[in-house]
């Protein structure tokens, strides 16, 4: 229905409209609805790429139509949960990170540690839905190819809806239940 409604008003390809609309709606819907295959849950988060000729494929035009419709559906998501700039796995995790609690020392008047107390040092991101729209997917692919970059394995975990974490000494951020979708645009 969306494609039939918008199609006559735009030069965008109907398939591009449909697939981006499905990815955006899956992101808006969130992690609740799922389909079971054995023990695995498959959520509504989609990863998709639109390939077209430079400046002629109307990739951006199709996304503009979808984004405009999404604004009417969930303005908060539209304002805060659409992003771009995929470059590292740690950066992606940061965008959906869980709350971080740390043990902090409690000191007496003489500044001696007398106890420890757990405190929230980072409130994290309450909304785990995230739609990454990469208008130049090649940029993210180049970043993922850099030696030591964690973007590719973190994206694979996000696709499965698995917990996200990178085991490095300074990476404390994690996300237990991410709902990440990716739309990529690239020229052929």
N, C-alpha and C. Protein backbone atom coordinates (compact mmCIF):
# COMPACT_ATOMS: atom_id res chain seq x y z
N UNK A 1 0.82 -1.20 0.00
CA UNK A 1 0.00 0.00 0.00
C UNK A 1 0.86 1.26 0.00
N UNK A 2 1.95 1.22 0.76
CA UNK A 2 2.83 2.39 0.81
C UNK A 2 3.39 2.69 -0.58
N UNK A 3 3.86 1.67 -1.28
CA UNK A 3 4.44 1.87 -2.61
C UNK A 3 3.38 2.38 -3.58
N UNK A 4 2.19 1.82 -3.50
CA UNK A 4 1.11 2.29 -4.39
C UNK A 4 0.71 3.73 -4.09
N UNK A 5 0.76 4.12 -2.83
CA UNK A 5 0.40 5.48 -2.43
C UNK A 5 1.46 6.49 -2.85
N UNK A 6 2.72 6.16 -2.62
CA UNK A 6 3.82 7.10 -2.87
C UNK A 6 4.33 7.03 -4.30
N UNK A 7 4.30 5.86 -4.90
CA UNK A 7 4.89 5.64 -6.22
C UNK A 7 4.57 6.66 -7.28
N UNK A 8 3.30 7.03 -7.48
CA UNK A 8 2.98 8.00 -8.53
C UNK A 8 3.54 9.40 -8.27
N UNK A 9 3.96 9.69 -7.04
CA UNK A 9 4.43 11.02 -6.68
C UNK A 9 5.95 11.15 -6.74
N UNK A 10 6.66 10.07 -7.10
CA UNK A 10 8.12 10.09 -7.02
C UNK A 10 8.76 9.37 -8.21
N UNK A 11 10.02 9.67 -8.43
CA UNK A 11 10.80 8.97 -9.46
C UNK A 11 11.51 7.75 -8.88
N UNK A 12 11.35 7.51 -7.58
CA UNK A 12 12.05 6.41 -6.92
C UNK A 12 11.56 5.06 -7.42
N UNK A 13 12.47 4.11 -7.43
CA UNK A 13 12.16 2.75 -7.85
C UNK A 13 11.22 2.11 -6.83
N UNK A 14 10.16 1.44 -7.26
CA UNK A 14 9.22 0.80 -6.33
C UNK A 14 9.88 -0.21 -5.39
N UNK A 15 10.85 -0.97 -5.90
CA UNK A 15 11.54 -1.96 -5.05
C UNK A 15 12.34 -1.26 -3.95
N UNK A 16 13.00 -0.15 -4.30
CA UNK A 16 13.76 0.60 -3.30
C UNK A 16 12.83 1.16 -2.23
N UNK A 17 11.68 1.66 -2.64
CA UNK A 17 10.69 2.16 -1.68
C UNK A 17 10.24 1.04 -0.75
N UNK A 18 9.90 -0.11 -1.32
CA UNK A 18 9.39 -1.23 -0.54
C UNK A 18 10.41 -1.73 0.46
N UNK A 19 11.61 -2.03 0.01
CA UNK A 19 12.60 -2.62 0.90
C UNK A 19 13.02 -1.67 2.01
N UNK A 20 13.19 -0.39 1.70
CA UNK A 20 13.54 0.56 2.75
C UNK A 20 12.39 0.77 3.72
N UNK A 21 11.18 0.77 3.21
CA UNK A 21 10.01 0.88 4.09
C UNK A 21 9.95 -0.31 5.05
N UNK A 22 10.19 -1.51 4.54
CA UNK A 22 10.18 -2.70 5.40
C UNK A 22 11.28 -2.63 6.46
N UNK A 23 12.48 -2.18 6.07
CA UNK A 23 13.57 -2.07 7.04
C UNK A 23 13.25 -1.03 8.10
N UNK A 24 12.70 0.11 7.68
CA UNK A 24 12.36 1.17 8.64
C UNK A 24 11.24 0.72 9.58
N UNK A 25 10.22 0.08 9.04
CA UNK A 25 9.12 -0.40 9.89
C UNK A 25 9.61 -1.47 10.87
N UNK A 26 10.50 -2.34 10.41
CA UNK A 26 11.07 -3.34 11.32
C UNK A 26 11.82 -2.69 12.46
N UNK A 27 12.51 -1.59 12.16
CA UNK A 27 13.22 -0.86 13.21
C UNK A 27 12.25 -0.21 14.18
N UNK A 28 11.21 0.41 13.65
CA UNK A 28 10.21 1.06 14.50
C UNK A 28 9.49 0.04 15.38
N UNK A 29 9.14 -1.10 14.81
CA UNK A 29 8.42 -2.15 15.55
C UNK A 29 9.22 -2.62 16.76
N UNK A 30 10.51 -2.76 16.59
CA UNK A 30 11.36 -3.14 17.70
C UNK A 30 11.53 -4.64 17.87
N UNK A 31 12.06 -5.00 19.02
CA UNK A 31 12.52 -6.35 19.29
C UNK A 31 11.41 -7.30 19.72
N UNK A 32 10.22 -6.83 19.99
CA UNK A 32 9.16 -7.70 20.49
C UNK A 32 8.76 -8.81 19.53
N UNK A 33 8.12 -8.49 18.40
CA UNK A 33 7.69 -9.54 17.48
C UNK A 33 8.90 -10.30 16.90
N UNK A 34 8.76 -11.60 16.79
CA UNK A 34 9.83 -12.42 16.24
C UNK A 34 9.27 -13.71 15.68
N UNK A 35 10.09 -14.40 14.92
CA UNK A 35 9.73 -15.70 14.36
C UNK A 35 10.77 -16.70 14.84
N UNK A 36 10.32 -17.81 15.37
CA UNK A 36 11.25 -18.83 15.87
C UNK A 36 11.61 -19.82 14.79
N UNK A 37 12.90 -20.12 14.72
CA UNK A 37 13.41 -21.22 13.91
C UNK A 37 14.26 -22.03 14.86
N UNK A 38 13.70 -23.14 15.32
CA UNK A 38 14.37 -23.89 16.38
C UNK A 38 14.43 -23.04 17.63
N UNK A 39 15.60 -22.95 18.21
CA UNK A 39 15.77 -22.14 19.41
C UNK A 39 16.05 -20.67 19.09
N UNK A 40 16.34 -20.37 17.83
CA UNK A 40 16.71 -19.00 17.43
C UNK A 40 15.47 -18.14 17.20
N UNK A 41 15.54 -16.90 17.68
CA UNK A 41 14.50 -15.92 17.41
C UNK A 41 14.97 -14.99 16.30
N UNK A 42 14.11 -14.78 15.31
CA UNK A 42 14.42 -13.85 14.23
C UNK A 42 13.50 -12.64 14.38
N UNK A 43 14.13 -11.50 14.66
CA UNK A 43 13.39 -10.27 14.92
C UNK A 43 13.15 -9.51 13.61
N UNK A 44 12.52 -8.35 13.71
CA UNK A 44 12.15 -7.56 12.53
C UNK A 44 13.26 -6.63 12.05
N UNK A 45 14.47 -6.82 12.57
CA UNK A 45 15.57 -5.98 12.10
C UNK A 45 16.09 -6.52 10.78
N UNK A 46 16.12 -5.65 9.77
CA UNK A 46 16.56 -6.04 8.43
C UNK A 46 17.84 -5.31 8.06
N UNK A 47 18.67 -5.96 7.27
CA UNK A 47 19.86 -5.36 6.68
C UNK A 47 19.65 -5.43 5.17
N UNK A 48 19.81 -4.31 4.49
CA UNK A 48 19.60 -4.32 3.04
C UNK A 48 20.49 -3.29 2.36
N UNK A 49 20.77 -3.54 1.09
CA UNK A 49 21.59 -2.63 0.30
C UNK A 49 20.87 -2.36 -1.02
N UNK A 50 20.83 -1.09 -1.41
CA UNK A 50 20.30 -0.69 -2.71
C UNK A 50 21.50 -0.33 -3.58
N UNK A 51 21.60 -1.01 -4.71
CA UNK A 51 22.68 -0.78 -5.66
C UNK A 51 22.10 -0.10 -6.89
N UNK A 52 22.72 1.00 -7.30
CA UNK A 52 22.22 1.71 -8.48
C UNK A 52 23.29 2.58 -9.10
N UNK A 53 23.00 3.10 -10.27
CA UNK A 53 23.93 4.00 -10.95
C UNK A 53 24.04 5.31 -10.19
N UNK A 54 25.20 5.90 -10.23
CA UNK A 54 25.45 7.16 -9.54
C UNK A 54 24.56 8.26 -10.11
N UNK A 55 23.92 8.99 -9.24
CA UNK A 55 23.09 10.16 -9.56
C UNK A 55 21.89 9.85 -10.46
N UNK A 56 21.65 8.62 -10.79
CA UNK A 56 20.52 8.28 -11.66
C UNK A 56 19.58 7.26 -11.02
N UNK A 57 20.03 6.60 -9.98
CA UNK A 57 19.23 5.51 -9.41
C UNK A 57 18.17 6.00 -8.43
N UNK A 58 18.26 7.23 -7.98
CA UNK A 58 17.28 7.80 -7.05
C UNK A 58 17.26 7.06 -5.71
N UNK A 59 18.46 6.61 -5.29
CA UNK A 59 18.55 5.92 -4.00
C UNK A 59 18.14 6.85 -2.87
N UNK A 60 18.70 8.06 -2.88
CA UNK A 60 18.36 9.04 -1.85
C UNK A 60 16.92 9.49 -1.93
N UNK A 61 16.39 9.58 -3.14
CA UNK A 61 14.98 9.97 -3.32
C UNK A 61 14.06 8.94 -2.67
N UNK A 62 14.36 7.67 -2.87
CA UNK A 62 13.51 6.63 -2.28
C UNK A 62 13.58 6.68 -0.76
N UNK A 63 14.77 6.89 -0.20
CA UNK A 63 14.89 6.97 1.26
C UNK A 63 14.15 8.20 1.79
N UNK A 64 14.19 9.31 1.09
CA UNK A 64 13.49 10.52 1.54
C UNK A 64 11.99 10.27 1.67
N UNK A 65 11.43 9.55 0.74
CA UNK A 65 9.99 9.22 0.79
C UNK A 65 9.69 8.36 2.01
N UNK A 66 10.51 7.37 2.25
CA UNK A 66 10.30 6.46 3.40
C UNK A 66 10.49 7.23 4.70
N UNK A 67 11.55 8.00 4.79
CA UNK A 67 11.83 8.75 6.02
C UNK A 67 10.70 9.71 6.35
N UNK A 68 10.16 10.35 5.33
CA UNK A 68 9.04 11.27 5.53
C UNK A 68 7.83 10.56 6.12
N UNK A 69 7.53 9.38 5.62
CA UNK A 69 6.40 8.60 6.15
C UNK A 69 6.66 8.16 7.58
N UNK A 70 7.90 7.79 7.87
CA UNK A 70 8.25 7.32 9.22
C UNK A 70 8.08 8.41 10.27
N UNK A 71 8.29 9.64 9.87
CA UNK A 71 8.12 10.77 10.79
C UNK A 71 6.70 10.82 11.32
N UNK A 72 5.73 10.45 10.50
CA UNK A 72 4.33 10.45 10.90
C UNK A 72 4.01 9.29 11.84
N UNK A 73 4.79 8.24 11.77
CA UNK A 73 4.52 7.03 12.55
C UNK A 73 5.12 7.10 13.95
N UNK A 74 6.39 7.52 14.05
CA UNK A 74 7.07 7.56 15.36
C UNK A 74 8.08 8.70 15.35
N UNK A 75 7.66 9.86 15.78
CA UNK A 75 8.50 11.06 15.72
C UNK A 75 9.72 10.93 16.63
N UNK A 76 9.59 10.31 17.78
CA UNK A 76 10.75 10.16 18.68
C UNK A 76 11.82 9.29 18.02
N UNK A 77 11.40 8.16 17.47
CA UNK A 77 12.34 7.28 16.76
C UNK A 77 12.97 8.05 15.61
N UNK A 78 12.17 8.78 14.85
CA UNK A 78 12.64 9.54 13.70
C UNK A 78 13.70 10.55 14.10
N UNK A 79 13.50 11.21 15.24
CA UNK A 79 14.43 12.24 15.71
C UNK A 79 15.72 11.67 16.30
N UNK A 80 15.65 10.49 16.91
CA UNK A 80 16.79 10.02 17.70
C UNK A 80 17.39 8.68 17.29
N UNK A 81 16.69 7.87 16.50
CA UNK A 81 17.16 6.50 16.28
C UNK A 81 17.53 6.20 14.82
N UNK A 82 17.63 7.23 14.00
CA UNK A 82 18.15 7.08 12.64
C UNK A 82 19.52 7.74 12.62
N UNK A 83 20.52 7.02 12.11
CA UNK A 83 21.88 7.56 12.11
C UNK A 83 22.63 7.07 10.89
N UNK A 84 23.85 7.54 10.76
CA UNK A 84 24.77 7.06 9.74
C UNK A 84 26.17 7.09 10.33
N UNK A 85 27.16 6.76 9.53
CA UNK A 85 28.54 6.86 10.00
C UNK A 85 29.10 5.60 10.62
N UNK A 86 28.66 4.43 10.18
CA UNK A 86 29.23 3.19 10.69
C UNK A 86 30.74 3.20 10.46
N UNK A 87 31.52 3.03 11.54
CA UNK A 87 32.98 3.02 11.36
C UNK A 87 33.67 1.98 12.23
N UNK A 88 33.16 1.74 13.45
CA UNK A 88 33.76 0.72 14.31
C UNK A 88 32.67 -0.04 15.06
N UNK A 89 33.00 -1.25 15.47
CA UNK A 89 32.07 -2.02 16.28
C UNK A 89 31.80 -1.34 17.62
N UNK A 90 32.83 -0.74 18.19
CA UNK A 90 32.66 -0.06 19.47
C UNK A 90 31.69 1.12 19.33
N UNK A 91 31.78 1.84 18.22
CA UNK A 91 30.87 2.96 17.98
C UNK A 91 29.43 2.50 17.83
N UNK A 92 29.24 1.38 17.15
CA UNK A 92 27.89 0.83 16.99
C UNK A 92 27.33 0.40 18.34
N UNK A 93 28.13 -0.28 19.13
CA UNK A 93 27.69 -0.69 20.47
C UNK A 93 27.35 0.54 21.32
N UNK A 94 28.16 1.58 21.21
CA UNK A 94 27.91 2.80 22.00
C UNK A 94 26.53 3.38 21.71
N UNK A 95 26.08 3.28 20.48
CA UNK A 95 24.78 3.86 20.10
C UNK A 95 23.60 3.13 20.73
N UNK A 96 23.79 1.89 21.19
CA UNK A 96 22.71 1.12 21.81
C UNK A 96 23.12 0.57 23.19
N UNK A 97 24.15 1.14 23.77
CA UNK A 97 24.76 0.59 24.99
C UNK A 97 23.79 0.51 26.16
N UNK A 98 24.04 -0.50 26.99
CA UNK A 98 23.30 -0.65 28.24
C UNK A 98 23.91 0.25 29.30
N UNK A 99 23.19 0.40 30.38
CA UNK A 99 23.65 1.16 31.53
C UNK A 99 24.96 0.56 32.05
N UNK A 100 25.88 1.42 32.48
CA UNK A 100 27.14 0.96 33.07
C UNK A 100 27.15 1.33 34.54
N UNK A 101 27.36 0.31 35.38
CA UNK A 101 27.50 0.52 36.82
C UNK A 101 28.93 0.20 37.21
N UNK A 102 29.46 1.01 38.11
CA UNK A 102 30.82 0.78 38.58
C UNK A 102 30.88 0.93 40.10
N UNK A 103 31.82 0.24 40.68
CA UNK A 103 32.06 0.35 42.11
C UNK A 103 32.95 1.57 42.34
N UNK A 104 32.42 2.51 43.12
CA UNK A 104 33.20 3.72 43.42
C UNK A 104 33.51 3.76 44.91
N UNK A 105 34.69 4.24 45.26
CA UNK A 105 35.08 4.26 46.67
C UNK A 105 34.32 5.33 47.45
N UNK A 106 33.98 5.01 48.68
CA UNK A 106 33.39 5.99 49.60
C UNK A 106 34.49 6.32 50.61
N UNK A 107 34.74 7.62 50.79
CA UNK A 107 35.85 8.07 51.64
C UNK A 107 35.33 8.81 52.86
N UNK A 108 36.10 8.72 53.91
CA UNK A 108 35.75 9.47 55.12
C UNK A 108 36.33 10.89 55.02
N UNK A 109 36.22 11.65 56.12
CA UNK A 109 36.68 13.05 56.11
C UNK A 109 38.17 13.17 55.85
N UNK A 110 38.91 12.15 56.21
CA UNK A 110 40.36 12.17 55.99
C UNK A 110 40.72 11.63 54.61
N UNK A 111 39.71 11.39 53.76
CA UNK A 111 39.89 10.92 52.39
C UNK A 111 40.38 9.47 52.32
N UNK A 112 40.13 8.68 53.39
CA UNK A 112 40.46 7.26 53.37
C UNK A 112 39.27 6.49 52.85
N UNK A 113 39.53 5.47 52.06
CA UNK A 113 38.46 4.63 51.53
C UNK A 113 37.93 3.77 52.66
N UNK A 114 36.62 3.90 52.92
CA UNK A 114 36.00 3.12 53.98
C UNK A 114 35.03 2.07 53.46
N UNK A 115 34.62 2.24 52.20
CA UNK A 115 33.68 1.29 51.61
C UNK A 115 33.63 1.53 50.10
N UNK A 116 32.86 0.72 49.44
CA UNK A 116 32.60 0.90 48.01
C UNK A 116 31.10 0.86 47.77
N UNK A 117 30.67 1.62 46.81
CA UNK A 117 29.25 1.67 46.48
C UNK A 117 29.10 1.59 44.96
N UNK A 118 28.10 0.83 44.52
CA UNK A 118 27.85 0.73 43.09
C UNK A 118 27.05 1.94 42.64
N UNK A 119 27.54 2.59 41.57
CA UNK A 119 26.86 3.77 41.02
C UNK A 119 26.75 3.64 39.52
N UNK A 120 25.71 4.24 38.97
CA UNK A 120 25.56 4.30 37.53
C UNK A 120 26.49 5.39 37.02
N UNK A 121 27.45 5.00 36.18
CA UNK A 121 28.40 5.98 35.63
C UNK A 121 28.04 6.37 34.20
N UNK A 122 27.16 5.59 33.57
CA UNK A 122 26.66 5.90 32.23
C UNK A 122 25.24 5.35 32.15
N UNK A 123 24.23 6.21 31.93
CA UNK A 123 22.86 5.71 31.89
C UNK A 123 22.55 4.84 30.66
N UNK A 124 23.46 4.85 29.68
CA UNK A 124 23.24 4.05 28.48
C UNK A 124 22.17 4.64 27.60
N UNK A 125 21.71 3.86 26.66
CA UNK A 125 20.66 4.27 25.73
C UNK A 125 19.44 3.40 26.00
N UNK A 126 18.36 4.00 26.44
CA UNK A 126 17.16 3.23 26.79
C UNK A 126 16.52 2.58 25.56
N UNK A 127 16.54 3.26 24.43
CA UNK A 127 15.91 2.74 23.21
C UNK A 127 16.95 1.98 22.39
N UNK A 128 16.82 0.68 22.33
CA UNK A 128 17.79 -0.18 21.64
C UNK A 128 17.54 -0.28 20.14
N UNK A 129 16.48 0.37 19.65
CA UNK A 129 16.21 0.39 18.21
C UNK A 129 17.17 1.38 17.55
N UNK A 130 17.78 0.97 16.45
CA UNK A 130 18.67 1.86 15.73
C UNK A 130 18.62 1.50 14.25
N UNK A 131 18.42 2.50 13.41
CA UNK A 131 18.44 2.32 11.96
C UNK A 131 19.63 3.10 11.42
N UNK A 132 20.61 2.39 10.90
CA UNK A 132 21.78 3.01 10.28
C UNK A 132 21.52 3.10 8.79
N UNK A 133 21.48 4.31 8.26
CA UNK A 133 21.26 4.52 6.83
C UNK A 133 22.56 5.08 6.26
N UNK A 134 23.25 4.23 5.52
CA UNK A 134 24.54 4.60 4.95
C UNK A 134 24.35 4.98 3.48
N UNK A 135 24.32 6.28 3.21
CA UNK A 135 24.13 6.73 1.83
C UNK A 135 25.36 6.45 0.97
N UNK A 136 26.49 6.23 1.59
CA UNK A 136 27.71 5.82 0.90
C UNK A 136 28.25 4.59 1.62
N UNK A 137 27.64 3.44 1.35
CA UNK A 137 28.02 2.21 2.04
C UNK A 137 29.49 1.88 1.85
N UNK A 138 30.06 2.28 0.73
CA UNK A 138 31.48 2.03 0.49
C UNK A 138 32.36 2.56 1.60
N UNK A 139 31.98 3.68 2.21
CA UNK A 139 32.75 4.27 3.31
C UNK A 139 32.78 3.32 4.51
N UNK A 140 31.63 2.72 4.84
CA UNK A 140 31.57 1.77 5.96
C UNK A 140 32.35 0.50 5.63
N UNK A 141 32.28 0.06 4.38
CA UNK A 141 33.02 -1.14 3.97
C UNK A 141 34.52 -0.91 4.06
N UNK A 142 34.98 0.28 3.69
CA UNK A 142 36.40 0.61 3.82
C UNK A 142 36.82 0.61 5.29
N UNK A 143 35.97 1.18 6.15
CA UNK A 143 36.29 1.20 7.57
C UNK A 143 36.38 -0.21 8.13
N UNK A 144 35.44 -1.06 7.74
CA UNK A 144 35.42 -2.44 8.23
C UNK A 144 36.65 -3.22 7.78
N UNK A 145 37.23 -2.85 6.65
CA UNK A 145 38.39 -3.55 6.12
C UNK A 145 39.70 -3.15 6.80
N UNK A 146 39.68 -2.08 7.59
CA UNK A 146 40.91 -1.66 8.28
C UNK A 146 41.35 -2.74 9.26
N UNK A 147 42.64 -2.93 9.35
CA UNK A 147 43.21 -3.94 10.24
C UNK A 147 42.78 -3.69 11.69
N UNK A 148 42.22 -4.69 12.32
CA UNK A 148 41.81 -4.60 13.72
C UNK A 148 40.44 -4.00 13.94
N UNK A 149 39.75 -3.59 12.89
CA UNK A 149 38.43 -2.98 13.04
C UNK A 149 37.42 -4.06 13.41
N UNK A 150 36.56 -3.75 14.37
CA UNK A 150 35.57 -4.71 14.87
C UNK A 150 34.19 -4.54 14.27
N UNK A 151 34.03 -3.67 13.29
CA UNK A 151 32.71 -3.38 12.74
C UNK A 151 32.04 -4.63 12.16
N UNK A 152 32.73 -5.37 11.33
CA UNK A 152 32.13 -6.53 10.67
C UNK A 152 31.62 -7.58 11.66
N UNK A 153 32.42 -8.02 12.64
CA UNK A 153 31.87 -9.02 13.57
C UNK A 153 30.74 -8.49 14.44
N UNK A 154 30.77 -7.22 14.80
CA UNK A 154 29.69 -6.65 15.61
C UNK A 154 28.41 -6.57 14.79
N UNK A 155 28.52 -6.22 13.51
CA UNK A 155 27.34 -6.19 12.63
C UNK A 155 26.75 -7.59 12.51
N UNK A 156 27.59 -8.61 12.41
CA UNK A 156 27.06 -9.99 12.32
C UNK A 156 26.30 -10.36 13.58
N UNK A 157 26.81 -9.97 14.73
CA UNK A 157 26.09 -10.23 15.99
C UNK A 157 24.77 -9.46 16.03
N UNK A 158 24.80 -8.21 15.56
CA UNK A 158 23.59 -7.38 15.54
C UNK A 158 22.53 -8.00 14.64
N UNK A 159 22.94 -8.55 13.51
CA UNK A 159 22.00 -9.18 12.58
C UNK A 159 21.24 -10.30 13.29
N UNK A 160 21.95 -11.08 14.09
CA UNK A 160 21.33 -12.19 14.81
C UNK A 160 20.58 -11.74 16.05
N UNK A 161 20.74 -10.49 16.44
CA UNK A 161 20.09 -9.99 17.66
C UNK A 161 20.81 -10.43 18.92
N UNK A 162 22.05 -10.90 18.76
CA UNK A 162 22.83 -11.37 19.91
C UNK A 162 23.39 -10.20 20.70
N UNK A 163 23.78 -10.48 21.94
CA UNK A 163 24.39 -9.46 22.78
C UNK A 163 25.65 -8.93 22.10
N UNK A 164 25.86 -7.63 22.22
CA UNK A 164 27.02 -6.99 21.60
C UNK A 164 28.05 -6.63 22.66
N UNK A 165 29.29 -7.01 22.39
CA UNK A 165 30.41 -6.63 23.26
C UNK A 165 31.69 -6.85 22.50
N UNK A 166 32.69 -6.09 22.87
CA UNK A 166 34.03 -6.26 22.32
C UNK A 166 34.93 -6.46 23.51
N UNK A 167 35.66 -7.56 23.53
CA UNK A 167 36.51 -7.88 24.67
C UNK A 167 37.89 -7.24 24.52
N UNK A 168 37.93 -5.97 24.84
CA UNK A 168 39.21 -5.27 24.93
C UNK A 168 39.25 -4.62 26.30
N UNK A 169 40.44 -4.30 26.74
CA UNK A 169 40.63 -3.78 28.09
C UNK A 169 39.81 -2.53 28.37
N UNK A 170 39.69 -1.64 27.41
CA UNK A 170 39.02 -0.37 27.65
C UNK A 170 37.58 -0.32 27.16
N UNK A 171 37.09 -1.39 26.54
CA UNK A 171 35.72 -1.39 26.02
C UNK A 171 34.77 -1.99 27.05
N UNK A 172 34.11 -1.14 27.83
CA UNK A 172 33.20 -1.61 28.87
C UNK A 172 31.76 -1.63 28.40
N UNK A 173 31.48 -1.01 27.28
CA UNK A 173 30.10 -0.91 26.81
C UNK A 173 29.63 -2.22 26.18
N UNK A 174 28.39 -2.58 26.50
CA UNK A 174 27.76 -3.78 25.95
C UNK A 174 26.29 -3.45 25.66
N UNK A 175 25.64 -4.34 24.95
CA UNK A 175 24.20 -4.24 24.75
C UNK A 175 23.65 -5.65 24.73
N UNK A 176 22.79 -5.97 25.68
CA UNK A 176 22.26 -7.32 25.81
C UNK A 176 21.20 -7.63 24.76
N UNK A 177 20.37 -6.65 24.40
CA UNK A 177 19.28 -6.90 23.46
C UNK A 177 19.19 -5.80 22.41
N UNK A 178 20.13 -5.78 21.45
CA UNK A 178 20.09 -4.74 20.41
C UNK A 178 19.00 -5.01 19.40
N UNK A 179 18.55 -3.94 18.76
CA UNK A 179 17.63 -4.06 17.62
C UNK A 179 18.11 -3.09 16.54
N UNK A 180 19.12 -3.53 15.81
CA UNK A 180 19.80 -2.69 14.82
C UNK A 180 19.39 -3.13 13.42
N UNK A 181 19.05 -2.16 12.59
CA UNK A 181 18.75 -2.39 11.18
C UNK A 181 19.72 -1.52 10.36
N UNK A 182 20.04 -1.99 9.15
CA UNK A 182 20.97 -1.24 8.30
C UNK A 182 20.39 -1.14 6.89
N UNK A 183 20.41 0.09 6.36
CA UNK A 183 20.10 0.35 4.95
C UNK A 183 21.36 0.94 4.34
N UNK A 184 21.84 0.32 3.29
CA UNK A 184 23.02 0.83 2.60
C UNK A 184 22.68 1.22 1.18
N UNK A 185 23.32 2.28 0.70
CA UNK A 185 23.21 2.71 -0.70
C UNK A 185 24.61 2.65 -1.28
N UNK A 186 24.73 2.08 -2.47
CA UNK A 186 26.04 2.01 -3.12
C UNK A 186 25.85 2.06 -4.63
N UNK A 187 26.82 2.60 -5.32
CA UNK A 187 26.74 2.66 -6.78
C UNK A 187 27.39 1.42 -7.38
N UNK A 188 26.92 1.04 -8.57
CA UNK A 188 27.51 -0.13 -9.23
C UNK A 188 28.48 0.30 -10.30
